[in-house]
Amino acid sequence: MIQHDPWGVLFDWDGVVIDSSSQHERSWELLAAERDLFLPEGHFKAGFGKKNEIIIPTLGWGDDPAIIRELADRKEALYRELVAAEGVTILPGARELLEALKGEGIPRAVGSSTPRENLDALFATTGLDALFDAVVCGSDVSHGKPDPEVFLSGAAKLGLLPSRCIVIEDAFAGIEAARRGGMKVVGVATTNPVESLDQCDLAVVSLEEVTPRRLAALFSDSLL
């Protein structure tokens, strides 16, 4: 262990561990075309990191829970079709950081709005599930980001106090969720410019800049 007091790391998925944003954006566009629905400009960035159950009513596509669920399921099915055809990219430094944390015995969990079926499909193709101790996804929580439920559940699964957890996020909704949960936050500039991540304890361009030692230093007065 890097420190005597136990601590752990909660990873958002899309935009932190893998890059499948283009497939997500295109799946929204395919769904809109398929159902003759209007997509406002800037919709994707505005909804990034949030559950579909929050995004769909915001788009004005309906408020009925059955309609929302049907549209959400179809959107994710289209996404999985795109991923199966094209594959996904593991973001720079992600696998290496996970392996280093595992080697140090530091607990690691996924805390994502992504549905379970998407994670299972991506775990099968990347083998990244072997590097996590726990997974909490959109299917496991009632409230999506910026509510902190997904991260609080992840901390509980790791057996850690929220104050002893570091969240790694790229989306503003996820950063807010981590803050509301009382956790440290590392912002990765895959979705937003690094200078816009000023609410984070540490902001980096990529996970290639992050090491277990640098994360441990977030619990002290200075970075190493």
Protein backbone atom coordinates (compact mmCIF):
# COMPACT_ATOMS: atom_id res chain seq x y z
CA MET A 1 0.00 0.00 0.00
CA ILE A 2 1.12 3.56 -0.74
CA GLN A 3 -0.38 4.78 2.55
CA HIS A 4 -1.22 3.05 5.82
CA ASP A 5 -4.81 4.35 5.77
CA PRO A 6 -6.78 2.47 3.10
CA TRP A 7 -8.04 4.40 0.10
CA GLY A 8 -9.44 3.52 -3.29
CA VAL A 9 -10.18 4.82 -6.77
CA LEU A 10 -13.53 5.01 -8.56
CA PHE A 11 -13.28 5.23 -12.35
CA ASP A 12 -15.90 6.64 -14.64
CA TRP A 13 -15.98 4.51 -17.81
CA ASP A 14 -16.61 6.36 -21.07
CA GLY A 15 -14.12 9.16 -21.53
CA VAL A 16 -11.88 7.91 -18.72
CA VAL A 17 -11.10 4.24 -19.36
CA ILE A 18 -12.36 3.86 -22.92
CA ASP A 19 -13.19 6.21 -25.77
CA SER A 20 -16.50 5.33 -27.40
CA SER A 21 -17.95 8.84 -27.50
CA SER A 22 -18.31 8.79 -31.28
CA GLN A 23 -20.37 5.60 -31.12
CA HIS A 24 -22.53 7.07 -28.37
CA GLU A 25 -23.14 10.26 -30.33
CA ARG A 26 -23.94 8.38 -33.52
CA SER A 27 -26.31 6.04 -31.70
CA TRP A 28 -28.34 9.08 -30.59
CA GLU A 29 -28.36 10.32 -34.19
CA LEU A 30 -29.44 6.91 -35.50
CA LEU A 31 -32.23 6.70 -32.95
CA ALA A 32 -33.44 10.20 -33.80
CA ALA A 33 -33.49 9.37 -37.51
CA GLU A 34 -35.18 6.02 -36.90
CA ARG A 35 -37.98 7.56 -34.79
CA ASP A 36 -38.15 10.95 -36.57
CA LEU A 37 -37.15 12.81 -33.40
CA PHE A 38 -35.45 16.20 -33.16
CA LEU A 39 -31.92 16.48 -31.74
CA PRO A 40 -30.93 20.00 -30.65
CA GLU A 41 -27.45 21.31 -31.35
CA GLY A 42 -25.03 20.56 -28.52
CA HIS A 43 -27.23 17.79 -27.10
CA PHE A 44 -24.43 15.25 -26.79
CA LYS A 45 -22.05 17.31 -24.69
CA ALA A 46 -24.94 18.57 -22.54
CA GLY A 47 -26.00 15.02 -21.72
CA PHE A 48 -22.60 13.37 -21.50
CA GLY A 49 -22.17 11.37 -18.30
CA LYS A 50 -25.89 11.38 -17.47
CA LYS A 51 -28.33 8.47 -17.50
CA ASN A 52 -30.59 8.11 -20.53
CA GLU A 53 -33.57 8.47 -18.19
CA ILE A 54 -32.43 12.04 -17.55
CA ILE A 55 -31.36 12.83 -21.12
CA ILE A 56 -34.51 11.68 -22.95
CA PRO A 57 -37.03 13.92 -21.13
CA THR A 58 -34.57 16.82 -21.45
CA LEU A 59 -34.59 16.29 -25.22
CA GLY A 60 -38.39 16.57 -25.18
CA TRP A 61 -38.84 13.01 -26.41
CA GLY A 62 -41.35 12.02 -23.75
CA ASP A 63 -42.02 11.75 -20.04
CA ASP A 64 -43.80 8.41 -19.91
CA PRO A 65 -41.52 5.89 -18.13
CA ALA A 66 -42.37 3.11 -20.60
CA ILE A 67 -41.50 5.29 -23.59
CA ILE A 68 -38.30 6.49 -21.93
CA ARG A 69 -37.24 2.91 -21.18
CA GLU A 70 -38.01 1.73 -24.73
CA LEU A 71 -36.05 4.62 -26.29
CA ALA A 72 -33.15 4.15 -23.85
CA ASP A 73 -32.93 0.43 -24.59
CA ARG A 74 -33.00 1.01 -28.33
CA LYS A 75 -30.31 3.70 -28.11
CA GLU A 76 -28.00 1.33 -26.22
CA ALA A 77 -28.70 -1.53 -28.64
CA LEU A 78 -27.64 0.74 -31.51
CA TYR A 79 -24.52 1.70 -29.54
CA ARG A 80 -23.57 -1.95 -28.98
CA GLU A 81 -24.03 -2.66 -32.69
CA LEU A 82 -21.59 0.14 -33.53
CA VAL A 83 -19.08 -1.03 -30.92
CA ALA A 84 -19.27 -4.62 -32.13
CA ALA A 85 -18.56 -3.47 -35.69
CA GLU A 86 -15.84 -0.94 -34.91
CA GLY A 87 -14.36 -1.80 -31.50
CA VAL A 88 -13.33 0.77 -28.90
CA THR A 89 -10.10 2.47 -27.88
CA ILE A 90 -8.67 2.09 -24.38
CA LEU A 91 -7.56 5.59 -23.48
CA PRO A 92 -3.83 6.30 -22.97
CA GLY A 93 -2.58 5.37 -19.53
CA ALA A 94 -5.83 3.75 -18.35
CA ARG A 95 -4.75 0.11 -18.39
CA GLU A 96 -1.33 0.99 -17.03
CA LEU A 97 -2.79 2.96 -14.11
CA LEU A 98 -5.23 0.18 -13.27
CA GLU A 99 -2.44 -2.39 -13.33
CA ALA A 100 -0.23 -0.21 -11.12
CA LEU A 101 -3.04 0.32 -8.59
CA LYS A 102 -3.78 -3.40 -8.55
CA GLY A 103 -0.09 -4.11 -7.99
CA GLU A 104 -0.11 -1.77 -4.98
CA GLY A 105 -3.25 -3.42 -3.58
CA ILE A 106 -5.31 -0.23 -3.93
CA PRO A 107 -9.04 -1.01 -4.42
CA ARG A 108 -10.56 -0.03 -7.76
CA ALA A 109 -14.19 0.21 -8.94
CA VAL A 110 -16.16 1.37 -11.95
CA GLY A 111 -18.71 4.09 -11.21
CA SER A 112 -20.54 4.75 -14.46
CA SER A 113 -23.91 5.73 -15.91
CA THR A 114 -23.34 3.07 -18.59
CA PRO A 115 -25.89 0.22 -18.62
CA ARG A 116 -24.70 -3.19 -17.44
CA GLU A 117 -25.11 -4.77 -20.89
CA ASN A 118 -22.68 -2.25 -22.39
CA LEU A 119 -20.08 -2.87 -19.70
CA ASP A 120 -20.37 -6.64 -20.05
CA ALA A 121 -19.86 -6.39 -23.82
CA LEU A 122 -16.83 -4.13 -23.43
CA PHE A 123 -15.33 -6.22 -20.63
CA ALA A 124 -15.55 -9.24 -22.92
CA THR A 125 -13.58 -7.49 -25.67
CA THR A 126 -11.01 -5.66 -23.51
CA GLY A 127 -10.48 -7.95 -20.50
CA LEU A 128 -10.49 -4.88 -18.24
CA ASP A 129 -12.90 -6.50 -15.78
CA ALA A 130 -9.90 -8.36 -14.30
CA LEU A 131 -8.52 -5.01 -13.13
CA PHE A 132 -11.56 -3.95 -11.07
CA ASP A 133 -12.72 -5.13 -7.65
CA ALA A 134 -16.27 -3.84 -8.06
CA VAL A 135 -18.64 -2.36 -10.63
CA VAL A 136 -21.54 0.04 -10.17
CA CYS A 137 -23.36 1.10 -13.33
CA GLY A 138 -26.48 2.92 -14.40
CA SER A 139 -28.56 -0.23 -13.97
CA ASP A 140 -27.63 -0.39 -10.27
CA VAL A 141 -28.76 3.06 -9.14
CA SER A 142 -31.98 5.04 -9.00
CA HIS A 143 -30.42 8.46 -9.43
CA GLY A 144 -27.92 9.34 -12.13
CA LYS A 145 -25.07 11.83 -12.00
CA PRO A 146 -24.80 14.59 -10.80
CA ASP A 147 -26.42 12.72 -7.90
CA PRO A 148 -23.56 10.98 -6.02
CA GLU A 149 -25.38 7.64 -5.64
CA VAL A 150 -23.23 5.73 -8.13
CA PHE A 151 -20.00 6.78 -6.40
CA LEU A 152 -21.34 6.30 -2.87
CA SER A 153 -22.39 2.77 -3.90
CA GLY A 154 -18.92 2.16 -5.33
CA ALA A 155 -17.26 3.29 -2.12
CA ALA A 156 -19.54 0.99 -0.12
CA LYS A 157 -18.68 -1.96 -2.38
CA LEU A 158 -14.98 -1.29 -1.78
CA GLY A 159 -15.61 -1.04 1.96
CA LEU A 160 -14.28 2.52 2.11
CA LEU A 161 -15.51 5.83 3.45
CA PRO A 162 -16.33 8.32 0.67
CA SER A 163 -13.66 10.65 2.06
CA ARG A 164 -11.07 7.92 1.36
CA CYS A 165 -12.02 7.61 -2.31
CA ILE A 166 -10.71 9.36 -5.41
CA VAL A 167 -13.03 9.67 -8.40
CA ILE A 168 -11.53 9.92 -11.89
CA GLU A 169 -13.95 11.72 -14.22
CA ASP A 170 -14.14 13.63 -17.48
CA ALA A 171 -17.72 14.96 -17.43
CA PHE A 172 -18.97 17.94 -15.41
CA ALA A 173 -21.95 15.91 -14.14
CA GLY A 174 -19.59 13.25 -12.77
CA ILE A 175 -17.27 15.82 -11.21
CA GLU A 176 -20.25 17.39 -9.45
CA ALA A 177 -21.41 13.95 -8.28
CA ALA A 178 -18.00 13.20 -6.78
CA ARG A 179 -17.91 16.55 -5.03
CA ARG A 180 -21.39 16.04 -3.62
CA GLY A 181 -20.28 12.63 -2.38
CA GLY A 182 -17.38 14.14 -0.43
CA MET A 183 -14.66 12.54 -2.54
CA LYS A 184 -11.41 13.70 -4.12
CA VAL A 185 -11.66 14.26 -7.88
CA VAL A 186 -9.18 13.86 -10.72
CA GLY A 187 -10.42 15.44 -13.95
CA VAL A 188 -9.24 14.08 -17.30
CA ALA A 189 -9.41 16.42 -20.30
CA THR A 190 -10.92 14.01 -22.80
CA THR A 191 -14.32 15.74 -23.01
CA ASN A 192 -13.61 19.23 -21.70
CA PRO A 193 -10.48 21.47 -21.83
CA VAL A 194 -8.10 20.92 -18.94
CA GLU A 195 -8.42 24.57 -17.89
CA SER A 196 -12.17 24.05 -17.35
CA LEU A 197 -11.55 21.34 -14.73
CA ASP A 198 -10.75 23.81 -11.99
CA GLN A 199 -13.21 22.18 -9.56
CA CYS A 200 -11.00 19.09 -9.44
CA ASP A 201 -8.22 18.34 -6.95
CA LEU A 202 -6.04 17.40 -9.91
CA ALA A 203 -6.58 18.01 -13.63
CA VAL A 204 -4.64 16.12 -16.29
CA VAL A 205 -4.62 15.84 -20.05
CA SER A 206 -4.50 12.04 -19.88
CA LEU A 207 -4.06 9.22 -17.39
CA GLU A 208 -0.48 8.85 -18.60
CA GLU A 209 0.24 11.65 -16.11
CA VAL A 210 -1.24 9.76 -13.15
CA THR A 211 0.50 7.28 -10.85
CA PRO A 212 -0.54 5.62 -7.56
CA ARG A 213 1.96 7.86 -5.77
CA ARG A 214 0.47 11.01 -7.26
CA LEU A 215 -3.03 9.86 -6.28
CA ALA A 216 -1.89 9.10 -2.73
CA ALA A 217 -0.58 12.64 -2.49
CA LEU A 218 -4.13 13.98 -2.85
CA PHE A 219 -4.65 12.96 0.76
CA SER A 220 -1.74 15.17 1.86
CA ASP A 221 -1.05 18.87 1.51
CA SER A 222 1.01 18.67 -1.68
CA LEU A 223 1.25 16.67 -4.87
CA LEU A 224 4.21 14.42 -5.52
